[in-house]
Amino acid sequence: MPPTRRRPAPRQAEADRNDRELLRAAREVLAEDGAHASVAAIAARAGVGIGSLYRRYPTKDDLFRHLVDLSLDHWIAVLEAADAEEDAWTALSVFLTRGLESDSSGSLAPIAGTVEITPAMRAKNDRSEAMLTALVQRAHDAGVLRPDVSTSDMWALVEQLTPAPMIEQLRKRGLADQLPAATAARRRVLAIVLDGLRAPGTPLPDAPPPKSVFDRRWETD
């Protein structure tokens, strides 16, 4: 017989719940306040005491660095799921739709350059870059992705589509009854974007963004 799965102790279960709420709140407050987001605002949004936050994350940098690390893990998992798809177009669609549907995909651009990127985090970033490059090349080889779209274009799309201002504004104002319609609108926008990626497409202006526009922002002084 398989071993019986133990349920977490009540105290551990509460700590896990608090951590999930802190991470959710941190993403929401970052979306609203950017790099100036305060730990007090994050703790209040999560419904936990400031002491609980500091016991888990001694500094704001520790919290933000953990968010970046989780985001890297999220995109690697999404790219692995996309790579498992047999159809090249489906794989590309999985990358965008599954990647942007998750709570772990909140935009972290506001804290670029404010947190130290560890060697382990850089290795994860390099891995995700290589995986997306392979995914884009696969779609090009299959003739389903417009030929002038590059890996950096895909990352730029992700960054532009990650913020959901309409949804965040409705949440902030407590208009929960409007959230289903706003979520449906976001799905429609993503479908429009995916359709625009299909080959052959009309010529795009300018050159794809260089990788440096993503990497240089995360360099710390």
C-alpha atoms as a PDB file:
ATOM      1  CA  MET A   1       0.000   0.000   0.000  1.00  0.00           C
ATOM      2  CA  PRO A   2       1.242   3.530  -0.718  1.00  0.00           C
ATOM      3  CA  PRO A   3       2.322   5.462   2.358  1.00  0.00           C
ATOM      4  CA  THR A   4      -0.369   7.543   4.014  1.00  0.00           C
ATOM      5  CA  ARG A   5       0.088  11.208   3.258  1.00  0.00           C
ATOM      6  CA  ARG A   6       0.380  13.222   6.415  1.00  0.00           C
ATOM      7  CA  ARG A   7      -1.556  16.400   6.665  1.00  0.00           C
ATOM      8  CA  PRO A   8       0.560  19.404   7.659  1.00  0.00           C
ATOM      9  CA  ALA A   9       0.388  20.387  11.297  1.00  0.00           C
ATOM     10  CA  PRO A  10      -2.055  23.239  11.993  1.00  0.00           C
ATOM     11  CA  ARG A  11       0.760  25.689  12.693  1.00  0.00           C
ATOM     12  CA  GLN A  12       2.622  24.727   9.505  1.00  0.00           C
ATOM     13  CA  ALA A  13      -0.588  24.887   7.468  1.00  0.00           C
ATOM     14  CA  GLU A  14      -1.213  28.398   8.775  1.00  0.00           C
ATOM     15  CA  ALA A  15       2.360  29.429   7.949  1.00  0.00           C
ATOM     16  CA  ASP A  16       1.974  28.070   4.424  1.00  0.00           C
ATOM     17  CA  ARG A  17      -1.311  29.928   3.990  1.00  0.00           C
ATOM     18  CA  ASN A  18       0.234  33.154   5.271  1.00  0.00           C
ATOM     19  CA  ASP A  19       3.144  32.763   2.849  1.00  0.00           C
ATOM     20  CA  ARG A  20       0.800  32.281  -0.118  1.00  0.00           C
ATOM     21  CA  GLU A  21      -1.167  35.350   0.907  1.00  0.00           C
ATOM     22  CA  LEU A  22       2.001  37.403   1.346  1.00  0.00           C
ATOM     23  CA  LEU A  23       3.239  36.492  -2.122  1.00  0.00           C
ATOM     24  CA  ARG A  24      -0.154  37.236  -3.671  1.00  0.00           C
ATOM     25  CA  ALA A  25      -0.349  40.553  -1.842  1.00  0.00           C
ATOM     26  CA  ALA A  26       3.220  41.463  -2.807  1.00  0.00           C
ATOM     27  CA  ARG A  27       2.427  40.989  -6.501  1.00  0.00           C
ATOM     28  CA  GLU A  28      -0.742  43.067  -6.206  1.00  0.00           C
ATOM     29  CA  VAL A  29       0.915  45.908  -4.294  1.00  0.00           C
ATOM     30  CA  LEU A  30       3.854  45.879  -6.704  1.00  0.00           C
ATOM     31  CA  ALA A  31       1.412  46.218  -9.593  1.00  0.00           C
ATOM     32  CA  GLU A  32      -0.104  49.283  -7.924  1.00  0.00           C
ATOM     33  CA  ASP A  33       2.860  50.975  -6.228  1.00  0.00           C
ATOM     34  CA  GLY A  34       5.895  49.687  -8.124  1.00  0.00           C
ATOM     35  CA  ALA A  35       9.286  49.476  -6.447  1.00  0.00           C
ATOM     36  CA  HIS A  36       8.070  51.819  -3.682  1.00  0.00           C
ATOM     37  CA  ALA A  37       5.679  49.152  -2.393  1.00  0.00           C
ATOM     38  CA  SER A  38       5.987  49.016   1.387  1.00  0.00           C
ATOM     39  CA  VAL A  39       6.132  45.878   3.491  1.00  0.00           C
ATOM     40  CA  ALA A  40       3.422  47.378   5.709  1.00  0.00           C
ATOM     41  CA  ALA A  41       1.071  47.652   2.726  1.00  0.00           C
ATOM     42  CA  ILE A  42       1.907  44.101   1.657  1.00  0.00           C
ATOM     43  CA  ALA A  43       1.282  42.692   5.155  1.00  0.00           C
ATOM     44  CA  ALA A  44      -2.001  44.599   5.420  1.00  0.00           C
ATOM     45  CA  ARG A  45      -3.155  43.358   2.006  1.00  0.00           C
ATOM     46  CA  ALA A  46      -2.273  39.790   3.009  1.00  0.00           C
ATOM     47  CA  GLY A  47      -4.104  40.097   6.326  1.00  0.00           C
ATOM     48  CA  VAL A  48      -1.051  39.128   8.399  1.00  0.00           C
ATOM     49  CA  GLY A  49       0.980  40.973  10.977  1.00  0.00           C
ATOM     50  CA  ILE A  50       4.162  42.767   9.989  1.00  0.00           C
ATOM     51  CA  GLY A  51       6.034  40.471  12.384  1.00  0.00           C
ATOM     52  CA  SER A  52       4.874  37.424  10.444  1.00  0.00           C
ATOM     53  CA  LEU A  53       6.205  38.952   7.250  1.00  0.00           C
ATOM     54  CA  TYR A  54       9.607  39.718   8.750  1.00  0.00           C
ATOM     55  CA  ARG A  55       9.901  36.232  10.257  1.00  0.00           C
ATOM     56  CA  ARG A  56       9.524  34.786   6.755  1.00  0.00           C
ATOM     57  CA  TYR A  57      11.362  37.541   4.873  1.00  0.00           C
ATOM     58  CA  PRO A  58      13.845  39.508   7.020  1.00  0.00           C
ATOM     59  CA  THR A  59      14.069  42.298   4.438  1.00  0.00           C
ATOM     60  CA  LYS A  60      11.987  43.625   1.577  1.00  0.00           C
ATOM     61  CA  ASP A  61      14.800  42.579  -0.758  1.00  0.00           C
ATOM     62  CA  ASP A  62      14.470  38.995   0.459  1.00  0.00           C
ATOM     63  CA  LEU A  63      10.757  39.051  -0.366  1.00  0.00           C
ATOM     64  CA  PHE A  64      11.260  40.584  -3.810  1.00  0.00           C
ATOM     65  CA  ARG A  65      14.138  38.233  -4.606  1.00  0.00           C
ATOM     66  CA  HIS A  66      11.912  35.277  -3.732  1.00  0.00           C
ATOM     67  CA  LEU A  67       9.230  36.626  -6.078  1.00  0.00           C
ATOM     68  CA  VAL A  68      11.767  36.810  -8.910  1.00  0.00           C
ATOM     69  CA  ASP A  69      12.930  33.262  -8.201  1.00  0.00           C
ATOM     70  CA  LEU A  70       9.344  31.971  -8.201  1.00  0.00           C
ATOM     71  CA  SER A  71       8.670  33.776 -11.468  1.00  0.00           C
ATOM     72  CA  LEU A  72      11.684  32.101 -13.083  1.00  0.00           C
ATOM     73  CA  ASP A  73      10.468  28.695 -11.858  1.00  0.00           C
ATOM     74  CA  HIS A  74       7.013  29.476 -13.221  1.00  0.00           C
ATOM     75  CA  TRP A  75       8.214  30.277 -16.728  1.00  0.00           C
ATOM     76  CA  ILE A  76      10.494  27.244 -16.853  1.00  0.00           C
ATOM     77  CA  ALA A  77       7.542  25.007 -15.888  1.00  0.00           C
ATOM     78  CA  VAL A  78       5.375  26.686 -18.545  1.00  0.00           C
ATOM     79  CA  LEU A  79       8.070  26.236 -21.196  1.00  0.00           C
ATOM     80  CA  GLU A  80       8.442  22.574 -20.249  1.00  0.00           C
ATOM     81  CA  ALA A  81       4.682  22.111 -20.680  1.00  0.00           C
ATOM     82  CA  ALA A  82       4.799  23.910 -24.025  1.00  0.00           C
ATOM     83  CA  ASP A  83       7.718  21.803 -25.228  1.00  0.00           C
ATOM     84  CA  ALA A  84       5.709  18.632 -24.490  1.00  0.00           C
ATOM     85  CA  GLU A  85       3.078  19.634 -27.076  1.00  0.00           C
ATOM     86  CA  GLU A  86       3.421  17.856 -30.424  1.00  0.00           C
ATOM     87  CA  ASP A  87       2.010  20.731 -32.474  1.00  0.00           C
ATOM     88  CA  ALA A  88       4.303  23.760 -32.812  1.00  0.00           C
ATOM     89  CA  TRP A  89       1.486  26.324 -32.794  1.00  0.00           C
ATOM     90  CA  THR A  90      -0.182  24.698 -29.790  1.00  0.00           C
ATOM     91  CA  ALA A  91       3.156  24.808 -27.997  1.00  0.00           C
ATOM     92  CA  LEU A  92       3.470  28.540 -28.609  1.00  0.00           C
ATOM     93  CA  SER A  93      -0.130  29.101 -27.492  1.00  0.00           C
ATOM     94  CA  VAL A  94       0.477  27.121 -24.291  1.00  0.00           C
ATOM     95  CA  PHE A  95       3.496  29.286 -23.541  1.00  0.00           C
ATOM     96  CA  LEU A  96       1.476  32.493 -23.692  1.00  0.00           C
ATOM     97  CA  THR A  97      -1.907  31.395 -22.339  1.00  0.00           C
ATOM     98  CA  ARG A  98      -0.734  29.199 -19.480  1.00  0.00           C
ATOM     99  CA  GLY A  99       2.088  31.548 -18.651  1.00  0.00           C
ATOM    100  CA  LEU A 100      -0.154  34.584 -18.339  1.00  0.00           C
ATOM    101  CA  GLU A 101      -3.066  32.876 -16.590  1.00  0.00           C
ATOM    102  CA  SER A 102      -1.116  31.984 -13.456  1.00  0.00           C
ATOM    103  CA  ASP A 103      -0.925  34.087 -10.307  1.00  0.00           C
ATOM    104  CA  SER A 104       2.854  33.646 -10.522  1.00  0.00           C
ATOM    105  CA  SER A 105       3.078  35.719 -13.691  1.00  0.00           C
ATOM    106  CA  GLY A 106       2.625  39.151 -12.148  1.00  0.00           C
ATOM    107  CA  SER A 107       4.903  41.797 -13.623  1.00  0.00           C
ATOM    108  CA  LEU A 108       8.135  42.257 -11.694  1.00  0.00           C
ATOM    109  CA  ALA A 109       9.478  44.938 -14.045  1.00  0.00           C
ATOM    110  CA  PRO A 110       9.022  47.662 -11.365  1.00  0.00           C
ATOM    111  CA  ILE A 111      11.757  46.086  -9.222  1.00  0.00           C
ATOM    112  CA  ALA A 112      14.254  45.569 -12.057  1.00  0.00           C
ATOM    113  CA  GLY A 113      17.661  46.723 -10.896  1.00  0.00           C
ATOM    114  CA  THR A 114      16.660  46.868  -7.223  1.00  0.00           C
ATOM    115  CA  VAL A 115      17.333  43.248  -6.214  1.00  0.00           C
ATOM    116  CA  GLU A 116      20.512  41.222  -6.451  1.00  0.00           C
ATOM    117  CA  ILE A 117      20.319  38.473  -9.076  1.00  0.00           C
ATOM    118  CA  THR A 118      22.071  35.381  -7.730  1.00  0.00           C
ATOM    119  CA  PRO A 119      24.075  32.988  -9.946  1.00  0.00           C
ATOM    120  CA  ALA A 120      21.331  30.373  -9.505  1.00  0.00           C
ATOM    121  CA  MET A 121      18.690  32.844 -10.673  1.00  0.00           C
ATOM    122  CA  ARG A 122      20.837  33.842 -13.648  1.00  0.00           C
ATOM    123  CA  ALA A 123      21.192  30.173 -14.588  1.00  0.00           C
ATOM    124  CA  LYS A 124      17.405  29.779 -14.506  1.00  0.00           C
ATOM    125  CA  ASN A 125      17.029  32.856 -16.686  1.00  0.00           C
ATOM    126  CA  ASP A 126      19.524  31.477 -19.208  1.00  0.00           C
ATOM    127  CA  ARG A 127      17.661  28.183 -19.262  1.00  0.00           C
ATOM    128  CA  SER A 128      14.305  29.842 -19.917  1.00  0.00           C
ATOM    129  CA  GLU A 129      15.905  31.942 -22.676  1.00  0.00           C
ATOM    130  CA  ALA A 130      17.267  28.826 -24.388  1.00  0.00           C
ATOM    131  CA  MET A 131      13.945  27.005 -24.060  1.00  0.00           C
ATOM    132  CA  LEU A 132      11.940  29.871 -25.565  1.00  0.00           C
ATOM    133  CA  THR A 133      14.469  30.284 -28.372  1.00  0.00           C
ATOM    134  CA  ALA A 134      13.995  26.613 -29.227  1.00  0.00           C
ATOM    135  CA  LEU A 135      10.215  26.997 -29.074  1.00  0.00           C
ATOM    136  CA  VAL A 136      10.282  29.997 -31.416  1.00  0.00           C
ATOM    137  CA  GLN A 137      12.637  28.219 -33.823  1.00  0.00           C
ATOM    138  CA  ARG A 138      10.352  25.200 -33.832  1.00  0.00           C
ATOM    139  CA  ALA A 139       7.383  27.402 -34.745  1.00  0.00           C
ATOM    140  CA  HIS A 140       9.417  29.081 -37.494  1.00  0.00           C
ATOM    141  CA  ASP A 141      10.481  25.705 -38.887  1.00  0.00           C
ATOM    142  CA  ALA A 142       6.827  24.600 -38.951  1.00  0.00           C
ATOM    143  CA  GLY A 143       5.883  27.788 -40.821  1.00  0.00           C
ATOM    144  CA  VAL A 144       3.229  28.780 -38.265  1.00  0.00           C
ATOM    145  CA  LEU A 145       4.945  31.786 -36.666  1.00  0.00           C
ATOM    146  CA  ARG A 146       5.489  34.925 -38.703  1.00  0.00           C
ATOM    147  CA  PRO A 147       9.180  34.946 -39.713  1.00  0.00           C
ATOM    148  CA  ASP A 148       9.965  38.398 -38.307  1.00  0.00           C
ATOM    149  CA  VAL A 149       9.046  37.477 -34.695  1.00  0.00           C
ATOM    150  CA  SER A 150      12.010  36.708 -32.435  1.00  0.00           C
ATOM    151  CA  THR A 151      12.519  35.360 -28.928  1.00  0.00           C
ATOM    152  CA  SER A 152      12.898  38.895 -27.597  1.00  0.00           C
ATOM    153  CA  ASP A 153       9.584  39.831 -29.243  1.00  0.00           C
ATOM    154  CA  MET A 154       7.926  37.029 -27.274  1.00  0.00           C
ATOM    155  CA  TRP A 155       9.421  38.222 -23.978  1.00  0.00           C
ATOM    156  CA  ALA A 156       8.348  41.779 -24.797  1.00  0.00           C
ATOM    157  CA  LEU A 157       4.808  40.498 -25.409  1.00  0.00           C
ATOM    158  CA  VAL A 158       4.838  38.721 -22.061  1.00  0.00           C
ATOM    159  CA  GLU A 159       5.950  41.886 -20.297  1.00  0.00           C
ATOM    160  CA  GLN A 160       3.300  44.007 -21.990  1.00  0.00           C
ATOM    161  CA  LEU A 161       0.506  41.518 -21.347  1.00  0.00           C
ATOM    162  CA  THR A 162       1.405  40.603 -17.767  1.00  0.00           C
ATOM    163  CA  PRO A 163      -0.111  43.720 -16.146  1.00  0.00           C
ATOM    164  CA  ALA A 164      -3.896  43.551 -16.039  1.00  0.00           C
ATOM    165  CA  PRO A 165      -4.905  47.148 -15.195  1.00  0.00           C
ATOM    166  CA  MET A 166      -8.616  46.567 -15.666  1.00  0.00           C
ATOM    167  CA  ILE A 167      -8.642  43.563 -13.337  1.00  0.00           C
ATOM    168  CA  GLU A 168      -6.430  45.268 -10.749  1.00  0.00           C
ATOM    169  CA  GLN A 169      -8.598  48.403 -10.733  1.00  0.00           C
ATOM    170  CA  LEU A 170     -11.782  46.371 -10.268  1.00  0.00           C
ATOM    171  CA  ARG A 171     -10.206  44.406  -7.413  1.00  0.00           C
ATOM    172  CA  LYS A 172      -8.974  47.574  -5.751  1.00  0.00           C
ATOM    173  CA  ARG A 173     -12.462  49.089  -5.892  1.00  0.00           C
ATOM    174  CA  GLY A 174     -14.127  45.927  -4.630  1.00  0.00           C
ATOM    175  CA  LEU A 175     -16.115  45.397  -7.841  1.00  0.00           C
ATOM    176  CA  ALA A 176     -15.853  41.616  -7.740  1.00  0.00           C
ATOM    177  CA  ASP A 177     -19.018  41.169  -9.819  1.00  0.00           C
ATOM    178  CA  GLN A 178     -17.193  42.716 -12.798  1.00  0.00           C
ATOM    179  CA  LEU A 179     -14.129  40.462 -12.601  1.00  0.00           C
ATOM    180  CA  PRO A 180     -15.510  37.616 -14.794  1.00  0.00           C
ATOM    181  CA  ALA A 181     -16.172  40.071 -17.643  1.00  0.00           C
ATOM    182  CA  ALA A 182     -12.725  41.631 -17.241  1.00  0.00           C
ATOM    183  CA  THR A 183     -11.075  38.205 -17.222  1.00  0.00           C
ATOM    184  CA  ALA A 184     -12.983  37.247 -20.376  1.00  0.00           C
ATOM    185  CA  ALA A 185     -11.845  40.492 -22.030  1.00  0.00           C
ATOM    186  CA  ARG A 186      -8.238  39.618 -21.198  1.00  0.00           C
ATOM    187  CA  ARG A 187      -8.658  36.191 -22.821  1.00  0.00           C
ATOM    188  CA  ARG A 188     -10.036  37.880 -25.957  1.00  0.00           C
ATOM    189  CA  VAL A 189      -7.051  40.245 -26.113  1.00  0.00           C
ATOM    190  CA  LEU A 190      -4.683  37.291 -25.811  1.00  0.00           C
ATOM    191  CA  ALA A 191      -6.527  35.489 -28.623  1.00  0.00           C
ATOM    192  CA  ILE A 192      -6.151  38.598 -30.805  1.00  0.00           C
ATOM    193  CA  VAL A 193      -2.432  38.726 -30.020  1.00  0.00           C
ATOM    194  CA  LEU A 194      -1.980  35.043 -30.852  1.00  0.00           C
ATOM    195  CA  ASP A 195      -3.766  35.533 -34.160  1.00  0.00           C
ATOM    196  CA  GLY A 196      -1.382  38.406 -34.941  1.00  0.00           C
ATOM    197  CA  LEU A 197       1.591  36.083 -34.435  1.00  0.00           C
ATOM    198  CA  ARG A 198       0.496  33.688 -37.147  1.00  0.00           C
ATOM    199  CA  ALA A 199       2.462  33.531 -40.368  1.00  0.00           C
ATOM    200  CA  PRO A 200       2.720  35.239 -42.755  1.00  0.00           C
ATOM    201  CA  GLY A 201       1.530  38.552 -41.224  1.00  0.00           C
ATOM    202  CA  THR A 202       2.253  42.049 -42.444  1.00  0.00           C
ATOM    203  CA  PRO A 203       5.787  43.458 -42.007  1.00  0.00           C
ATOM    204  CA  LEU A 204       6.587  44.710 -38.513  1.00  0.00           C
ATOM    205  CA  PRO A 205       8.198  48.120 -37.939  1.00  0.00           C
ATOM    206  CA  ASP A 206      11.754  48.377 -36.653  1.00  0.00           C
ATOM    207  CA  ALA A 207      13.987  45.534 -35.494  1.00  0.00           C
ATOM    208  CA  PRO A 208      13.244  43.112 -32.637  1.00  0.00           C
ATOM    209  CA  PRO A 209      14.278  44.500 -29.228  1.00  0.00           C
ATOM    210  CA  PRO A 210      17.841  43.501 -28.306  1.00  0.00           C
ATOM    211  CA  LYS A 211      18.304  41.181 -25.341  1.00  0.00           C
ATOM    212  CA  SER A 212      20.117  44.000 -23.532  1.00  0.00           C
ATOM    213  CA  VAL A 213      16.865  45.945 -22.984  1.00  0.00           C
ATOM    214  CA  PHE A 214      15.745  43.105 -20.727  1.00  0.00           C
ATOM    215  CA  ASP A 215      19.038  42.183 -19.083  1.00  0.00           C
ATOM    216  CA  ARG A 216      20.516  45.622 -18.383  1.00  0.00           C
ATOM    217  CA  ARG A 217      17.519  46.730 -16.319  1.00  0.00           C
ATOM    218  CA  TRP A 218      18.194  43.951 -13.808  1.00  0.00           C
ATOM    219  CA  GLU A 219      21.785  44.999 -13.206  1.00  0.00           C
ATOM    220  CA  THR A 220      22.363  46.523  -9.778  1.00  0.00           C
ATOM    221  CA  ASP A 221      24.775  49.364  -9.145  1.00  0.00           C
END
